[in-house]
PDB file of N, CA and C in Angstrom:
ATOM      1  N   UNK A   1     -35.095   7.589  31.969  1.00  0.00           N
ATOM      2  CA  UNK A   1     -36.076   6.536  31.820  1.00  0.00           C
ATOM      3  C   UNK A   1     -37.110   6.905  30.758  1.00  0.00           C
ATOM      4  N   UNK A   2     -37.656   8.134  30.857  1.00  0.00           N
ATOM      5  CA  UNK A   2     -38.658   8.563  29.896  1.00  0.00           C
ATOM      6  C   UNK A   2     -38.054   8.638  28.502  1.00  0.00           C
ATOM      7  N   UNK A   3     -36.809   9.114  28.418  1.00  0.00           N
ATOM      8  CA  UNK A   3     -36.183   9.200  27.104  1.00  0.00           C
ATOM      9  C   UNK A   3     -35.940   7.814  26.511  1.00  0.00           C
ATOM     10  N   UNK A   4     -35.706   6.812  27.374  1.00  0.00           N
ATOM     11  CA  UNK A   4     -35.546   5.445  26.880  1.00  0.00           C
ATOM     12  C   UNK A   4     -36.840   4.950  26.259  1.00  0.00           C
ATOM     13  N   UNK A   5     -37.970   5.257  26.887  1.00  0.00           N
ATOM     14  CA  UNK A   5     -39.267   4.858  26.343  1.00  0.00           C
ATOM     15  C   UNK A   5     -39.499   5.560  25.020  1.00  0.00           C
ATOM     16  N   UNK A   6     -39.205   6.852  24.978  1.00  0.00           N
ATOM     17  CA  UNK A   6     -39.381   7.612  23.759  1.00  0.00           C
ATOM     18  C   UNK A   6     -38.486   7.068  22.649  1.00  0.00           C
ATOM     19  N   UNK A   7     -37.249   6.776  22.997  1.00  0.00           N
ATOM     20  CA  UNK A   7     -36.307   6.221  22.016  1.00  0.00           C
ATOM     21  C   UNK A   7     -36.793   4.869  21.509  1.00  0.00           C
ATOM     22  N   UNK A   8     -37.287   4.056  22.413  1.00  0.00           N
ATOM     23  CA  UNK A   8     -37.773   2.737  22.038  1.00  0.00           C
ATOM     24  C   UNK A   8     -38.973   2.841  21.097  1.00  0.00           C
ATOM     25  N   UNK A   9     -39.920   3.714  21.416  1.00  0.00           N
ATOM     26  CA  UNK A   9     -41.089   3.857  20.554  1.00  0.00           C
ATOM     27  C   UNK A   9     -40.697   4.480  19.218  1.00  0.00           C
ATOM     28  N   UNK A  10     -39.702   5.352  19.221  1.00  0.00           N
ATOM     29  CA  UNK A  10     -39.230   5.939  17.961  1.00  0.00           C
ATOM     30  C   UNK A  10     -38.602   4.856  17.077  1.00  0.00           C
ATOM     31  N   UNK A  11     -37.803   3.980  17.689  1.00  0.00           N
ATOM     32  CA  UNK A  11     -37.207   2.887  16.916  1.00  0.00           C
ATOM     33  C   UNK A  11     -38.283   1.956  16.374  1.00  0.00           C
ATOM     34  N   UNK A  12     -39.293   1.671  17.188  1.00  0.00           N
ATOM     35  CA  UNK A  12     -40.390   0.812  16.762  1.00  0.00           C
ATOM     36  C   UNK A  12     -41.127   1.459  15.596  1.00  0.00           C
ATOM     37  N   UNK A  13     -41.379   2.768  15.688  1.00  0.00           N
ATOM     38  CA  UNK A  13     -42.052   3.475  14.614  1.00  0.00           C
ATOM     39  C   UNK A  13     -41.231   3.412  13.320  1.00  0.00           C
ATOM     40  N   UNK A  14     -39.928   3.604  13.421  1.00  0.00           N
ATOM     41  CA  UNK A  14     -39.064   3.501  12.247  1.00  0.00           C
ATOM     42  C   UNK A  14     -39.122   2.109  11.634  1.00  0.00           C
ATOM     43  N   UNK A  15     -39.092   1.085  12.493  1.00  0.00           N
ATOM     44  CA  UNK A  15     -39.133  -0.294  12.004  1.00  0.00           C
ATOM     45  C   UNK A  15     -40.449  -0.550  11.271  1.00  0.00           C
ATOM     46  N   UNK A  16     -41.560  -0.108  11.856  1.00  0.00           N
ATOM     47  CA  UNK A  16     -42.872  -0.335  11.237  1.00  0.00           C
ATOM     48  C   UNK A  16     -42.943   0.380   9.894  1.00  0.00           C
ATOM     49  N   UNK A  17     -42.463   1.616   9.833  1.00  0.00           N
ATOM     50  CA  UNK A  17     -42.468   2.350   8.562  1.00  0.00           C
ATOM     51  C   UNK A  17     -41.636   1.624   7.497  1.00  0.00           C
ATOM     52  N   UNK A  18     -40.466   1.156   7.874  1.00  0.00           N
ATOM     53  CA  UNK A  18     -39.613   0.440   6.926  1.00  0.00           C
ATOM     54  C   UNK A  18     -40.259  -0.859   6.471  1.00  0.00           C
ATOM     55  N   UNK A  19     -40.917  -1.551   7.383  1.00  0.00           N
ATOM     56  CA  UNK A  19     -41.577  -2.817   7.045  1.00  0.00           C
ATOM     57  C   UNK A  19     -42.741  -2.560   6.083  1.00  0.00           C
ATOM     58  N   UNK A  20     -43.485  -1.486   6.301  1.00  0.00           N
ATOM     59  CA  UNK A  20     -44.578  -1.139   5.384  1.00  0.00           C
ATOM     60  C   UNK A  20     -44.020  -0.873   3.987  1.00  0.00           C
ATOM     61  N   UNK A  21     -42.951  -0.102   3.917  1.00  0.00           N
ATOM     62  CA  UNK A  21     -42.342   0.214   2.628  1.00  0.00           C
ATOM     63  C   UNK A  21     -41.830  -1.041   1.927  1.00  0.00           C
ATOM     64  N   UNK A  22     -41.179  -1.912   2.679  1.00  0.00           N
ATOM     65  CA  UNK A  22     -40.653  -3.158   2.112  1.00  0.00           C
ATOM     66  C   UNK A  22     -41.779  -4.037   1.584  1.00  0.00           C
ATOM     67  N   UNK A  23     -42.835  -4.185   2.370  1.00  0.00           N
ATOM     68  CA  UNK A  23     -43.944  -5.043   1.958  1.00  0.00           C
ATOM     69  C   UNK A  23     -44.700  -4.462   0.767  1.00  0.00           C
ATOM     70  N   UNK A  24     -44.812  -3.145   0.695  1.00  0.00           N
ATOM     71  CA  UNK A  24     -45.466  -2.539  -0.465  1.00  0.00           C
ATOM     72  C   UNK A  24     -44.676  -2.816  -1.739  1.00  0.00           C
ATOM     73  N   UNK A  25     -43.359  -2.794  -1.633  1.00  0.00           N
ATOM     74  CA  UNK A  25     -42.522  -3.151  -2.782  1.00  0.00           C
ATOM     75  C   UNK A  25     -42.728  -4.601  -3.189  1.00  0.00           C
ATOM     76  N   UNK A  26     -42.829  -5.490  -2.206  1.00  0.00           N
ATOM     77  CA  UNK A  26     -43.093  -6.900  -2.502  1.00  0.00           C
ATOM     78  C   UNK A  26     -44.464  -7.066  -3.165  1.00  0.00           C
ATOM     79  N   UNK A  27     -45.438  -6.312  -2.682  1.00  0.00           N
ATOM     80  CA  UNK A  27     -46.775  -6.386  -3.282  1.00  0.00           C
ATOM     81  C   UNK A  27     -46.740  -5.987  -4.755  1.00  0.00           C
ATOM     82  N   UNK A  28     -46.040  -4.892  -5.044  1.00  0.00           N
ATOM     83  CA  UNK A  28     -45.950  -4.452  -6.445  1.00  0.00           C
ATOM     84  C   UNK A  28     -45.299  -5.528  -7.317  1.00  0.00           C
ATOM     85  N   UNK A  29     -44.237  -6.132  -6.806  1.00  0.00           N
ATOM     86  CA  UNK A  29     -43.555  -7.179  -7.572  1.00  0.00           C
ATOM     87  C   UNK A  29     -44.467  -8.384  -7.778  1.00  0.00           C
ATOM     88  N   UNK A  30     -45.172  -8.783  -6.736  1.00  0.00           N
ATOM     89  CA  UNK A  30     -46.089  -9.925  -6.847  1.00  0.00           C
ATOM     90  C   UNK A  30     -47.212  -9.615  -7.841  1.00  0.00           C
ATOM     91  N   UNK A  31     -47.733  -8.402  -7.802  1.00  0.00           N
ATOM     92  CA  UNK A  31     -48.798  -8.018  -8.733  1.00  0.00           C
ATOM     93  C   UNK A  31     -48.316  -8.095 -10.180  1.00  0.00           C
ATOM     94  N   UNK A  32     -47.085  -7.632 -10.435  1.00  0.00           N
ATOM     95  CA  UNK A  32     -46.511  -7.727 -11.790  1.00  0.00           C
ATOM     96  C   UNK A  32     -46.395  -9.183 -12.214  1.00  0.00           C
ATOM     97  N   UNK A  33     -45.902 -10.025 -11.323  1.00  0.00           N
ATOM     98  CA  UNK A  33     -45.739 -11.444 -11.650  1.00  0.00           C
ATOM     99  C   UNK A  33     -47.083 -12.110 -11.923  1.00  0.00           C
ATOM    100  N   UNK A  34     -48.092 -11.747 -11.146  1.00  0.00           N
ATOM    101  CA  UNK A  34     -49.422 -12.319 -11.362  1.00  0.00           C
ATOM    102  C   UNK A  34     -49.964 -11.903 -12.724  1.00  0.00           C
ATOM    103  N   UNK A  35     -49.783 -10.641 -13.094  1.00  0.00           N
ATOM    104  CA  UNK A  35     -50.241 -10.194 -14.419  1.00  0.00           C
ATOM    105  C   UNK A  35     -49.540 -10.982 -15.528  1.00  0.00           C
ATOM    106  N   UNK A  36     -48.242 -11.223 -15.357  1.00  0.00           N
ATOM    107  CA  UNK A  36     -47.506 -12.009 -16.359  1.00  0.00           C
ATOM    108  C   UNK A  36     -48.054 -13.426 -16.440  1.00  0.00           C
ATOM    109  N   UNK A  37     -48.326 -14.029 -15.303  1.00  0.00           N
ATOM    110  CA  UNK A  37     -48.875 -15.387 -15.283  1.00  0.00           C
ATOM    111  C   UNK A  37     -50.260 -15.430 -15.932  1.00  0.00           C
ATOM    112  N   UNK A  38     -51.073 -14.409 -15.655  1.00  0.00           N
ATOM    113  CA  UNK A  38     -52.409 -14.371 -16.246  1.00  0.00           C
ATOM    114  C   UNK A  38     -52.333 -14.256 -17.762  1.00  0.00           C
ATOM    115  N   UNK A  39     -51.406 -13.432 -18.250  1.00  0.00           N
ATOM    116  CA  UNK A  39     -51.235 -13.309 -19.702  1.00  0.00           C
ATOM    117  C   UNK A  39     -50.795 -14.629 -20.323  1.00  0.00           C
ATOM    118  N   UNK A  40     -50.039 -15.410 -19.555  1.00  0.00           N
ATOM    119  CA  UNK A  40     -49.563 -16.704 -20.054  1.00  0.00           C
ATOM    120  C   UNK A  40     -50.616 -17.794 -19.876  1.00  0.00           C
ATOM    121  N   UNK A  41     -51.737 -17.472 -19.236  1.00  0.00           N
ATOM    122  CA  UNK A  41     -52.804 -18.456 -19.067  1.00  0.00           C
ATOM    123  C   UNK A  41     -52.612 -19.376 -17.877  1.00  0.00           C
ATOM    124  N   UNK A  42     -51.773 -19.005 -16.935  1.00  0.00           N
ATOM    125  CA  UNK A  42     -51.503 -19.824 -15.755  1.00  0.00           C
ATOM    126  C   UNK A  42     -52.479 -19.420 -14.642  1.00  0.00           C
ATOM    127  N   UNK A  43     -52.974 -20.413 -13.912  1.00  0.00           N
ATOM    128  CA  UNK A  43     -53.885 -20.148 -12.794  1.00  0.00           C
ATOM    129  C   UNK A  43     -53.155 -19.335 -11.715  1.00  0.00           C
ATOM    130  N   UNK A  44     -53.838 -18.332 -11.170  1.00  0.00           N
ATOM    131  CA  UNK A  44     -53.201 -17.438 -10.205  1.00  0.00           C
ATOM    132  C   UNK A  44     -53.974 -17.322  -8.889  1.00  0.00           C
ATOM    133  N   UNK A  45     -54.914 -18.224  -8.660  1.00  0.00           N
ATOM    134  CA  UNK A  45     -55.770 -18.113  -7.462  1.00  0.00           C
ATOM    135  C   UNK A  45     -54.942 -18.125  -6.180  1.00  0.00           C
ATOM    136  N   UNK A  46     -53.993 -19.037  -6.075  1.00  0.00           N
ATOM    137  CA  UNK A  46     -53.203 -19.109  -4.838  1.00  0.00           C
ATOM    138  C   UNK A  46     -52.321 -17.870  -4.664  1.00  0.00           C
ATOM    139  N   UNK A  47     -51.796 -17.340  -5.758  1.00  0.00           N
ATOM    140  CA  UNK A  47     -50.981 -16.129  -5.678  1.00  0.00           C
ATOM    141  C   UNK A  47     -51.837 -14.932  -5.268  1.00  0.00           C
ATOM    142  N   UNK A  48     -53.081 -14.889  -5.748  1.00  0.00           N
ATOM    143  CA  UNK A  48     -53.978 -13.798  -5.375  1.00  0.00           C
ATOM    144  C   UNK A  48     -54.359 -13.888  -3.900  1.00  0.00           C
ATOM    145  N   UNK A  49     -54.489 -15.099  -3.367  1.00  0.00           N
ATOM    146  CA  UNK A  49     -54.742 -15.257  -1.932  1.00  0.00           C
ATOM    147  C   UNK A  49     -53.554 -14.754  -1.117  1.00  0.00           C
ATOM    148  N   UNK A  50     -52.365 -15.038  -1.594  1.00  0.00           N
ATOM    149  CA  UNK A  50     -51.167 -14.537  -0.923  1.00  0.00           C
ATOM    150  C   UNK A  50     -51.171 -13.009  -0.901  1.00  0.00           C
ATOM    151  N   UNK A  51     -51.533 -12.392  -2.026  1.00  0.00           N
ATOM    152  CA  UNK A  51     -51.616 -10.929  -2.080  1.00  0.00           C
ATOM    153  C   UNK A  51     -52.625 -10.395  -1.063  1.00  0.00           C
ATOM    154  N   UNK A  52     -53.737 -11.085  -0.924  1.00  0.00           N
ATOM    155  CA  UNK A  52     -54.752 -10.663   0.043  1.00  0.00           C
ATOM    156  C   UNK A  52     -54.188 -10.687   1.454  1.00  0.00           C
ATOM    157  N   UNK A  53     -53.456 -11.743   1.797  1.00  0.00           N
ATOM    158  CA  UNK A  53     -52.847 -11.837   3.133  1.00  0.00           C
ATOM    159  C   UNK A  53     -51.778 -10.763   3.324  1.00  0.00           C
ATOM    160  N   UNK A  54     -51.003 -10.512   2.280  1.00  0.00           N
ATOM    161  CA  UNK A  54     -49.967  -9.481   2.373  1.00  0.00           C
ATOM    162  C   UNK A  54     -50.593  -8.100   2.563  1.00  0.00           C
ATOM    163  N   UNK A  55     -51.684  -7.826   1.842  1.00  0.00           N
ATOM    164  CA  UNK A  55     -52.359  -6.532   1.994  1.00  0.00           C
ATOM    165  C   UNK A  55     -52.922  -6.375   3.403  1.00  0.00           C
ATOM    166  N   UNK A  56     -53.456  -7.461   3.951  1.00  0.00           N
ATOM    167  CA  UNK A  56     -53.983  -7.413   5.320  1.00  0.00           C
ATOM    168  C   UNK A  56     -52.859  -7.119   6.310  1.00  0.00           C
ATOM    169  N   UNK A  57     -51.692  -7.713   6.080  1.00  0.00           N
ATOM    170  CA  UNK A  57     -50.541  -7.471   6.960  1.00  0.00           C
ATOM    171  C   UNK A  57     -50.103  -6.007   6.881  1.00  0.00           C
ATOM    172  N   UNK A  58     -50.103  -5.442   5.679  1.00  0.00           N
ATOM    173  CA  UNK A  58     -49.739  -4.030   5.520  1.00  0.00           C
ATOM    174  C   UNK A  58     -50.747  -3.154   6.258  1.00  0.00           C
ATOM    175  N   UNK A  59     -52.031  -3.489   6.163  1.00  0.00           N
ATOM    176  CA  UNK A  59     -53.057  -2.724   6.880  1.00  0.00           C
ATOM    177  C   UNK A  59     -52.833  -2.803   8.393  1.00  0.00           C
ATOM    178  N   UNK A  60     -52.481  -3.986   8.895  1.00  0.00           N
ATOM    179  CA  UNK A  60     -52.183  -4.125  10.326  1.00  0.00           C
ATOM    180  C   UNK A  60     -50.996  -3.252  10.724  1.00  0.00           C
ATOM    181  N   UNK A  61     -49.964  -3.256   9.898  1.00  0.00           N
ATOM    182  CA  UNK A  61     -48.790  -2.436  10.182  1.00  0.00           C
ATOM    183  C   UNK A  61     -49.129  -0.953  10.151  1.00  0.00           C
ATOM    184  N   UNK A  62     -50.005  -0.557   9.235  1.00  0.00           N
ATOM    185  CA  UNK A  62     -50.422   0.853   9.180  1.00  0.00           C
ATOM    186  C   UNK A  62     -51.165   1.225  10.464  1.00  0.00           C
ATOM    187  N   UNK A  63     -51.964   0.313  10.980  1.00  0.00           N
ATOM    188  CA  UNK A  63     -52.641   0.566  12.248  1.00  0.00           C
ATOM    189  C   UNK A  63     -51.658   0.710  13.393  1.00  0.00           C
ATOM    190  N   UNK A  64     -50.627  -0.150  13.408  1.00  0.00           N
ATOM    191  CA  UNK A  64     -49.584  -0.045  14.432  1.00  0.00           C
ATOM    192  C   UNK A  64     -48.855   1.288  14.317  1.00  0.00           C
ATOM    193  N   UNK A  65     -48.539   1.672  13.086  1.00  0.00           N
ATOM    194  CA  UNK A  65     -47.845   2.940  12.852  1.00  0.00           C
ATOM    195  C   UNK A  65     -48.677   4.107  13.368  1.00  0.00           C
ATOM    196  N   UNK A  66     -49.966   4.092  13.060  1.00  0.00           N
ATOM    197  CA  UNK A  66     -50.839   5.176  13.496  1.00  0.00           C
ATOM    198  C   UNK A  66     -50.936   5.231  15.018  1.00  0.00           C
ATOM    199  N   UNK A  67     -51.000   4.061  15.660  1.00  0.00           N
ATOM    200  CA  UNK A  67     -51.061   4.017  17.125  1.00  0.00           C
ATOM    201  C   UNK A  67     -49.770   4.554  17.734  1.00  0.00           C
ATOM    202  N   UNK A  68     -48.638   4.202  17.137  1.00  0.00           N
ATOM    203  CA  UNK A  68     -47.354   4.707  17.629  1.00  0.00           C
ATOM    204  C   UNK A  68     -47.259   6.216  17.449  1.00  0.00           C
ATOM    205  N   UNK A  69     -47.769   6.710  16.337  1.00  0.00           N
ATOM    206  CA  UNK A  69     -47.770   8.158  16.099  1.00  0.00           C
ATOM    207  C   UNK A  69     -48.606   8.868  17.154  1.00  0.00           C
ATOM    208  N   UNK A  70     -49.783   8.329  17.437  1.00  0.00           N
ATOM    209  CA  UNK A  70     -50.653   8.950  18.431  1.00  0.00           C
ATOM    210  C   UNK A  70     -49.996   8.937  19.799  1.00  0.00           C
ATOM    211  N   UNK A  71     -49.322   7.850  20.139  1.00  0.00           N
ATOM    212  CA  UNK A  71     -48.628   7.767  21.419  1.00  0.00           C
ATOM    213  C   UNK A  71     -47.529   8.798  21.518  1.00  0.00           C
ATOM    214  N   UNK A  72     -46.813   9.026  20.432  1.00  0.00           N
ATOM    215  CA  UNK A  72     -45.742  10.015  20.441  1.00  0.00           C
ATOM    216  C   UNK A  72     -46.316  11.426  20.503  1.00  0.00           C
ATOM    217  N   UNK A  73     -47.437  11.646  19.841  1.00  0.00           N
ATOM    218  CA  UNK A  73     -48.034  12.978  19.829  1.00  0.00           C
ATOM    219  C   UNK A  73     -48.710  13.298  21.161  1.00  0.00           C
ATOM    220  N   UNK A  74     -49.137  12.266  21.895  1.00  0.00           N
ATOM    221  CA  UNK A  74     -49.841  12.490  23.155  1.00  0.00           C
ATOM    222  C   UNK A  74     -48.903  12.945  24.271  1.00  0.00           C
ATOM    223  N   UNK A  75     -47.619  12.608  24.171  1.00  0.00           N
ATOM    224  CA  UNK A  75     -46.671  13.008  25.215  1.00  0.00           C
ATOM    225  C   UNK A  75     -46.270  14.458  25.011  1.00  0.00           C
ATOM    226  N   UNK A  76     -46.226  15.229  26.080  1.00  0.00           N
ATOM    227  CA  UNK A  76     -45.753  16.609  25.951  1.00  0.00           C
ATOM    228  C   UNK A  76     -44.298  16.645  25.490  1.00  0.00           C
ATOM    229  N   UNK A  77     -43.942  17.713  24.807  1.00  0.00           N
ATOM    230  CA  UNK A  77     -42.585  17.842  24.268  1.00  0.00           C
ATOM    231  C   UNK A  77     -41.542  17.796  25.380  1.00  0.00           C
ATOM    232  N   UNK A  78     -41.822  18.373  26.526  1.00  0.00           N
ATOM    233  CA  UNK A  78     -40.845  18.384  27.614  1.00  0.00           C
ATOM    234  C   UNK A  78     -40.539  16.972  28.090  1.00  0.00           C
ATOM    235  N   UNK A  79     -41.546  16.119  28.142  1.00  0.00           N
ATOM    236  CA  UNK A  79     -41.330  14.743  28.582  1.00  0.00           C
ATOM    237  C   UNK A  79     -40.460  14.017  27.570  1.00  0.00           C
ATOM    238  N   UNK A  80     -40.685  14.255  26.275  1.00  0.00           N
ATOM    239  CA  UNK A  80     -39.865  13.622  25.249  1.00  0.00           C
ATOM    240  C   UNK A  80     -38.413  14.072  25.343  1.00  0.00           C
ATOM    241  N   UNK A  81     -38.173  15.300  25.848  1.00  0.00           N
ATOM    242  CA  UNK A  81     -36.821  15.815  25.942  1.00  0.00           C
ATOM    243  C   UNK A  81     -36.118  15.304  27.202  1.00  0.00           C
ATOM    244  N   UNK A  82     -36.830  14.490  27.991  1.00  0.00           N
ATOM    245  CA  UNK A  82     -36.182  13.884  29.135  1.00  0.00           C
ATOM    246  C   UNK A  82     -36.492  14.530  30.469  1.00  0.00           C
ATOM    247  N   UNK A  83     -37.290  15.574  30.495  1.00  0.00           N
ATOM    248  CA  UNK A  83     -37.661  16.189  31.757  1.00  0.00           C
ATOM    249  C   UNK A  83     -38.798  15.383  32.368  1.00  0.00           C
ATOM    250  N   UNK A  84     -38.770  15.201  33.663  1.00  0.00           N
ATOM    251  CA  UNK A  84     -39.778  14.370  34.302  1.00  0.00           C
ATOM    252  C   UNK A  84     -41.130  15.045  34.376  1.00  0.00           C
ATOM    253  N   UNK A  85     -41.162  16.378  34.450  1.00  0.00           N
ATOM    254  CA  UNK A  85     -42.417  17.100  34.534  1.00  0.00           C
ATOM    255  C   UNK A  85     -42.348  18.334  33.655  1.00  0.00           C
ATOM    256  N   UNK A  86     -43.506  18.748  33.126  1.00  0.00           N
ATOM    257  CA  UNK A  86     -43.506  20.003  32.372  1.00  0.00           C
ATOM    258  C   UNK A  86     -43.167  21.156  33.315  1.00  0.00           C
ATOM    259  N   UNK A  87     -42.561  22.221  32.818  1.00  0.00           N
ATOM    260  CA  UNK A  87     -42.215  23.352  33.672  1.00  0.00           C
ATOM    261  C   UNK A  87     -43.475  23.966  34.263  1.00  0.00           C
ATOM    262  N   UNK A  88     -43.387  24.401  35.510  1.00  0.00           N
ATOM    263  CA  UNK A  88     -44.539  25.024  36.168  1.00  0.00           C
ATOM    264  C   UNK A  88     -44.610  26.488  35.762  1.00  0.00           C
ATOM    265  N   UNK A  89     -45.848  26.987  35.710  1.00  0.00           N
ATOM    266  CA  UNK A  89     -46.043  28.375  35.327  1.00  0.00           C
ATOM    267  C   UNK A  89     -45.955  29.243  36.575  1.00  0.00           C
ATOM    268  N   UNK A  90     -45.315  30.374  36.484  1.00  0.00           N
ATOM    269  CA  UNK A  90     -45.134  31.264  37.637  1.00  0.00           C
ATOM    270  C   UNK A  90     -46.192  32.319  37.721  1.00  0.00           C
TER     271      UNK A  90
END
């Protein structure tokens, strides 16, 4: 049961990391396109608003990632390995 929770949070952490990476790539592409539009004299206000929303989403994902990391770090290693209790000291 504990290993299922650990596995689930690990998968969630991987998904969040991949989503952050994907969105950062989209941001770079959008920024390049906006620069091209600006050089051509095209209005870019709506595209810049989209970038602002995308950056906010990336920040939210970074917060989720950090929370997942803290949750994984807070569990003792023995619990992550599937043992129900840490070994007792003799």
